[in-house]
C-alpha cells in the first residue's frame, strides 16, 4: 500500500515578545510535542471557545454563520421588523432573474 502523504498548510505567526516565544518552546518541549503541534492545539482550543469548531473537531460554520447573522441583524436593525416577507423578496428576485 502506498504511503499517503499529508499536505500541510503553513501559517506564519510573528511574535514581538521573545518571552512568549521561549515560553511556547519550553512548554512544547515539556509536553514532548513540536512547537507547531502546541500552536495548533492552542488555536483549536480558541476556535472551540469562539464557537467556530465543535469539541469533536468539526467546523461549526452553519452555527457560526447563524450567530453572526443574528448579531448583524440586532446591531443593524434593532427591534425593527420588515413588513415584507423575505421569501417573497427572494421569489420576486428569482422571477426577475429568470425573465432575463
N, C-alpha and C. Protein backbone atom coordinates (compact mmCIF):
# COMPACT_ATOMS: atom_id res chain seq x y z
N UNK A 1 0.85 -1.17 0.00
CA UNK A 1 0.00 0.00 0.00
C UNK A 1 0.90 1.24 0.00
N UNK A 2 0.65 2.19 -0.91
CA UNK A 2 1.49 3.38 -0.97
C UNK A 2 1.28 4.26 0.25
N UNK A 3 2.34 4.95 0.63
CA UNK A 3 2.25 5.88 1.75
C UNK A 3 1.42 7.08 1.34
N UNK A 4 0.52 7.46 2.19
CA UNK A 4 -0.32 8.62 1.92
C UNK A 4 0.38 9.84 2.51
N UNK A 5 0.75 10.76 1.66
CA UNK A 5 1.46 11.95 2.10
C UNK A 5 0.45 13.02 2.51
N UNK A 6 0.63 13.56 3.70
CA UNK A 6 -0.25 14.60 4.19
C UNK A 6 0.25 15.95 3.70
N UNK A 7 -0.65 16.73 3.15
CA UNK A 7 -0.30 18.08 2.72
C UNK A 7 -0.58 19.05 3.86
N UNK A 8 0.45 19.69 4.32
CA UNK A 8 0.31 20.67 5.38
C UNK A 8 0.20 22.06 4.78
N UNK A 9 -0.51 22.92 5.45
CA UNK A 9 -0.63 24.31 5.05
C UNK A 9 0.08 25.15 6.09
N UNK A 10 0.93 26.02 5.63
CA UNK A 10 1.76 26.83 6.53
C UNK A 10 0.99 28.05 7.02
N UNK A 11 1.14 28.34 8.30
CA UNK A 11 0.60 29.55 8.91
C UNK A 11 1.75 30.20 9.66
N UNK A 12 2.14 31.37 9.24
CA UNK A 12 3.24 32.07 9.90
C UNK A 12 2.69 32.94 11.03
N UNK A 13 3.32 32.86 12.16
CA UNK A 13 2.93 33.67 13.32
C UNK A 13 4.13 34.51 13.72
N UNK A 14 3.94 35.80 13.77
CA UNK A 14 5.00 36.70 14.17
C UNK A 14 4.73 37.19 15.58
N UNK A 15 5.70 37.02 16.45
CA UNK A 15 5.56 37.40 17.85
C UNK A 15 6.64 38.42 18.17
N UNK A 16 6.25 39.56 18.72
CA UNK A 16 7.24 40.58 19.01
C UNK A 16 7.78 40.48 20.44
N UNK A 17 7.33 39.50 21.18
CA UNK A 17 7.78 39.32 22.56
C UNK A 17 8.60 38.03 22.64
N UNK A 18 9.92 38.14 22.81
CA UNK A 18 10.75 36.93 22.86
C UNK A 18 10.43 36.03 24.05
N UNK A 19 9.87 36.60 25.11
CA UNK A 19 9.49 35.77 26.26
C UNK A 19 8.38 34.79 25.91
N UNK A 20 7.41 35.25 25.12
CA UNK A 20 6.33 34.35 24.69
C UNK A 20 6.90 33.21 23.86
N UNK A 21 7.79 33.53 22.95
CA UNK A 21 8.42 32.50 22.13
C UNK A 21 9.13 31.47 22.99
N UNK A 22 9.88 31.93 23.97
CA UNK A 22 10.59 31.00 24.85
C UNK A 22 9.61 30.15 25.67
N UNK A 23 8.53 30.77 26.14
CA UNK A 23 7.53 30.02 26.91
C UNK A 23 6.90 28.92 26.06
N UNK A 24 6.54 29.27 24.83
CA UNK A 24 5.92 28.29 23.94
C UNK A 24 6.87 27.14 23.68
N UNK A 25 8.12 27.45 23.39
CA UNK A 25 9.11 26.40 23.13
C UNK A 25 9.32 25.51 24.36
N UNK A 26 9.37 26.13 25.54
CA UNK A 26 9.58 25.38 26.76
C UNK A 26 8.40 24.45 27.06
N UNK A 27 7.20 24.99 26.98
CA UNK A 27 6.02 24.18 27.28
C UNK A 27 5.86 23.05 26.26
N UNK A 28 6.10 23.34 24.99
CA UNK A 28 6.02 22.29 23.97
C UNK A 28 7.04 21.20 24.25
N UNK A 29 8.24 21.59 24.60
CA UNK A 29 9.28 20.59 24.91
C UNK A 29 8.89 19.77 26.13
N UNK A 30 8.33 20.42 27.14
CA UNK A 30 7.90 19.70 28.35
C UNK A 30 6.80 18.68 28.04
N UNK A 31 5.98 18.98 27.04
CA UNK A 31 4.91 18.06 26.65
C UNK A 31 5.37 17.08 25.57
N UNK A 32 6.63 17.20 25.17
CA UNK A 32 7.23 16.34 24.15
C UNK A 32 6.48 16.41 22.82
N UNK A 33 6.11 17.63 22.44
CA UNK A 33 5.47 17.87 21.15
C UNK A 33 6.20 19.03 20.47
N UNK A 34 5.98 19.16 19.18
CA UNK A 34 6.62 20.26 18.44
C UNK A 34 5.92 21.57 18.77
N UNK A 35 6.62 22.66 18.48
CA UNK A 35 6.03 23.98 18.66
C UNK A 35 4.81 24.12 17.76
N UNK A 36 4.90 23.58 16.55
CA UNK A 36 3.75 23.64 15.64
C UNK A 36 2.53 22.93 16.23
N UNK A 37 2.74 21.72 16.76
CA UNK A 37 1.63 20.98 17.36
C UNK A 37 1.05 21.73 18.55
N UNK A 38 1.92 22.31 19.37
CA UNK A 38 1.45 23.09 20.52
C UNK A 38 0.57 24.25 20.04
N UNK A 39 1.03 24.96 19.00
CA UNK A 39 0.27 26.10 18.49
C UNK A 39 -1.06 25.66 17.87
N UNK A 40 -1.04 24.54 17.13
CA UNK A 40 -2.29 24.02 16.54
C UNK A 40 -3.29 23.70 17.64
N UNK A 41 -2.83 23.07 18.71
CA UNK A 41 -3.73 22.74 19.82
C UNK A 41 -4.29 24.00 20.47
N UNK A 42 -3.44 25.00 20.67
CA UNK A 42 -3.89 26.25 21.28
C UNK A 42 -4.91 26.97 20.38
N UNK A 43 -4.63 26.99 19.08
CA UNK A 43 -5.55 27.63 18.14
C UNK A 43 -6.87 26.88 18.09
N UNK A 44 -6.80 25.55 18.09
CA UNK A 44 -8.02 24.74 18.06
C UNK A 44 -8.87 24.99 19.29
N UNK A 45 -8.24 25.04 20.47
CA UNK A 45 -8.99 25.34 21.70
C UNK A 45 -9.67 26.70 21.62
N UNK A 46 -8.98 27.69 21.06
CA UNK A 46 -9.57 29.01 20.93
C UNK A 46 -10.73 29.01 19.94
N UNK A 47 -10.61 28.27 18.83
CA UNK A 47 -11.70 28.17 17.87
C UNK A 47 -12.93 27.52 18.50
N UNK A 48 -12.71 26.52 19.34
CA UNK A 48 -13.83 25.88 20.05
C UNK A 48 -14.47 26.89 20.99
N UNK A 49 -13.65 27.62 21.73
CA UNK A 49 -14.15 28.64 22.67
C UNK A 49 -14.95 29.72 21.93
N UNK A 50 -14.48 30.09 20.71
CA UNK A 50 -15.16 31.12 19.93
C UNK A 50 -16.39 30.59 19.20
N UNK A 51 -16.62 29.27 19.30
CA UNK A 51 -17.79 28.68 18.65
C UNK A 51 -17.60 28.39 17.18
N UNK A 52 -16.36 28.44 16.70
CA UNK A 52 -16.09 28.18 15.30
C UNK A 52 -15.89 26.70 15.02
N UNK A 53 -15.60 25.92 16.03
CA UNK A 53 -15.41 24.46 15.89
C UNK A 53 -16.12 23.79 17.05
N UNK A 54 -16.52 22.54 16.83
CA UNK A 54 -17.08 21.75 17.92
C UNK A 54 -15.93 21.04 18.63
N UNK A 55 -16.19 20.52 19.80
CA UNK A 55 -15.14 19.80 20.52
C UNK A 55 -14.75 18.51 19.81
N UNK A 56 -15.60 18.03 18.87
CA UNK A 56 -15.25 16.85 18.08
C UNK A 56 -14.38 17.22 16.90
N UNK A 57 -14.06 18.50 16.72
CA UNK A 57 -13.19 18.93 15.66
C UNK A 57 -13.90 19.33 14.38
N UNK A 58 -15.22 19.31 14.40
CA UNK A 58 -15.97 19.66 13.20
C UNK A 58 -16.18 21.17 13.16
N UNK A 59 -16.20 21.70 11.93
CA UNK A 59 -16.47 23.12 11.76
C UNK A 59 -17.90 23.42 12.14
N UNK A 60 -18.11 24.52 12.79
CA UNK A 60 -19.45 24.96 13.13
C UNK A 60 -19.85 26.10 12.22
N UNK A 61 -19.57 25.97 10.94
CA UNK A 61 -19.77 27.09 10.03
C UNK A 61 -21.22 27.54 9.97
N UNK A 62 -22.16 26.61 9.92
CA UNK A 62 -23.57 27.00 9.87
C UNK A 62 -23.99 27.66 11.18
N UNK A 63 -23.65 27.03 12.29
CA UNK A 63 -23.99 27.59 13.59
C UNK A 63 -23.35 28.97 13.76
N UNK A 64 -22.11 29.09 13.35
CA UNK A 64 -21.39 30.35 13.45
C UNK A 64 -22.02 31.40 12.54
N UNK A 65 -22.38 31.00 11.34
CA UNK A 65 -22.99 31.94 10.39
C UNK A 65 -24.33 32.45 10.91
N UNK A 66 -25.12 31.57 11.48
CA UNK A 66 -26.42 31.98 12.03
C UNK A 66 -26.22 32.95 13.19
N UNK A 67 -25.26 32.63 14.05
CA UNK A 67 -24.97 33.51 15.18
C UNK A 67 -24.54 34.91 14.70
N UNK A 68 -23.67 34.94 13.68
CA UNK A 68 -23.21 36.21 13.13
C UNK A 68 -24.36 36.97 12.47
N UNK A 69 -25.24 36.24 11.79
CA UNK A 69 -26.39 36.88 11.14
C UNK A 69 -27.32 37.51 12.18
N UNK A 70 -27.57 36.80 13.26
CA UNK A 70 -28.42 37.34 14.33
C UNK A 70 -27.78 38.57 14.95
N UNK A 71 -26.47 38.52 15.17
CA UNK A 71 -25.76 39.66 15.75
C UNK A 71 -25.83 40.86 14.80
N UNK A 72 -25.61 40.62 13.48
CA UNK A 72 -25.69 41.68 12.49
C UNK A 72 -27.09 42.28 12.47
N UNK A 73 -28.09 41.41 12.49
CA UNK A 73 -29.48 41.89 12.46
C UNK A 73 -29.78 42.76 13.67
N UNK A 74 -29.37 42.31 14.84
CA UNK A 74 -29.63 43.08 16.07
C UNK A 74 -28.91 44.42 16.04
N UNK A 75 -27.66 44.43 15.59
CA UNK A 75 -26.88 45.66 15.56
C UNK A 75 -27.39 46.63 14.49
N UNK A 76 -27.82 46.09 13.36
CA UNK A 76 -28.21 46.92 12.23
C UNK A 76 -29.66 47.39 12.33
N UNK A 77 -30.55 46.50 12.68
CA UNK A 77 -31.97 46.82 12.63
C UNK A 77 -32.63 46.95 14.00
N UNK A 78 -31.93 46.51 15.04
CA UNK A 78 -32.51 46.60 16.37
C UNK A 78 -33.79 45.78 16.46
N UNK A 79 -34.83 46.41 16.95
CA UNK A 79 -36.12 45.73 17.13
C UNK A 79 -37.04 45.90 15.92
N UNK A 80 -36.58 46.64 14.90
CA UNK A 80 -37.43 46.85 13.72
C UNK A 80 -37.66 45.53 12.98
N UNK A 81 -38.84 45.39 12.44
CA UNK A 81 -39.21 44.17 11.70
C UNK A 81 -39.62 44.58 10.30
N UNK A 82 -39.17 43.83 9.30
CA UNK A 82 -39.57 44.11 7.93
C UNK A 82 -41.04 43.81 7.74
N UNK A 83 -41.71 44.67 6.97
CA UNK A 83 -43.12 44.42 6.69
C UNK A 83 -43.29 43.51 5.48
N UNK A 84 -42.20 43.26 4.75
CA UNK A 84 -42.23 42.41 3.56
C UNK A 84 -41.57 41.07 3.91
N UNK A 85 -42.16 40.01 3.43
CA UNK A 85 -41.60 38.68 3.65
C UNK A 85 -40.31 38.51 2.85
N UNK A 86 -39.27 38.03 3.50
CA UNK A 86 -38.02 37.79 2.78
C UNK A 86 -38.21 36.71 1.72
N UNK A 87 -39.06 35.76 1.97
CA UNK A 87 -39.34 34.71 0.99
C UNK A 87 -39.95 35.31 -0.27
N UNK A 88 -40.86 36.30 -0.09
CA UNK A 88 -41.46 36.98 -1.24
C UNK A 88 -40.41 37.76 -2.02
N UNK A 89 -39.50 38.44 -1.32
CA UNK A 89 -38.44 39.19 -1.98
C UNK A 89 -37.54 38.26 -2.81
N UNK A 90 -37.19 37.13 -2.24
CA UNK A 90 -36.34 36.16 -2.95
C UNK A 90 -37.07 35.61 -4.16
N UNK A 91 -38.34 35.27 -3.98
CA UNK A 91 -39.14 34.73 -5.08
C UNK A 91 -39.22 35.73 -6.23
N UNK A 92 -39.48 37.01 -5.92
CA UNK A 92 -39.57 38.04 -6.95
C UNK A 92 -38.23 38.25 -7.64
N UNK A 93 -37.15 38.22 -6.88
CA UNK A 93 -35.81 38.38 -7.46
C UNK A 93 -35.51 37.23 -8.42
N UNK A 94 -35.90 36.03 -8.06
CA UNK A 94 -35.68 34.87 -8.93
C UNK A 94 -36.51 34.98 -10.20
N UNK A 95 -37.76 35.43 -10.05
CA UNK A 95 -38.63 35.58 -11.21
C UNK A 95 -38.03 36.61 -12.18
N UNK A 96 -37.56 37.72 -11.62
CA UNK A 96 -36.96 38.77 -12.47
C UNK A 96 -35.69 38.26 -13.13
N UNK A 97 -34.89 37.50 -12.41
CA UNK A 97 -33.65 36.95 -12.96
C UNK A 97 -33.97 35.99 -14.10
N UNK A 98 -35.00 35.17 -13.93
CA UNK A 98 -35.35 34.18 -14.96
C UNK A 98 -35.93 34.82 -16.20
N UNK A 99 -36.47 36.04 -16.09
CA UNK A 99 -37.03 36.74 -17.25
C UNK A 99 -35.94 37.24 -18.18
N UNK A 100 -34.74 37.43 -17.65
CA UNK A 100 -33.64 37.98 -18.46
C UNK A 100 -33.06 37.00 -19.41
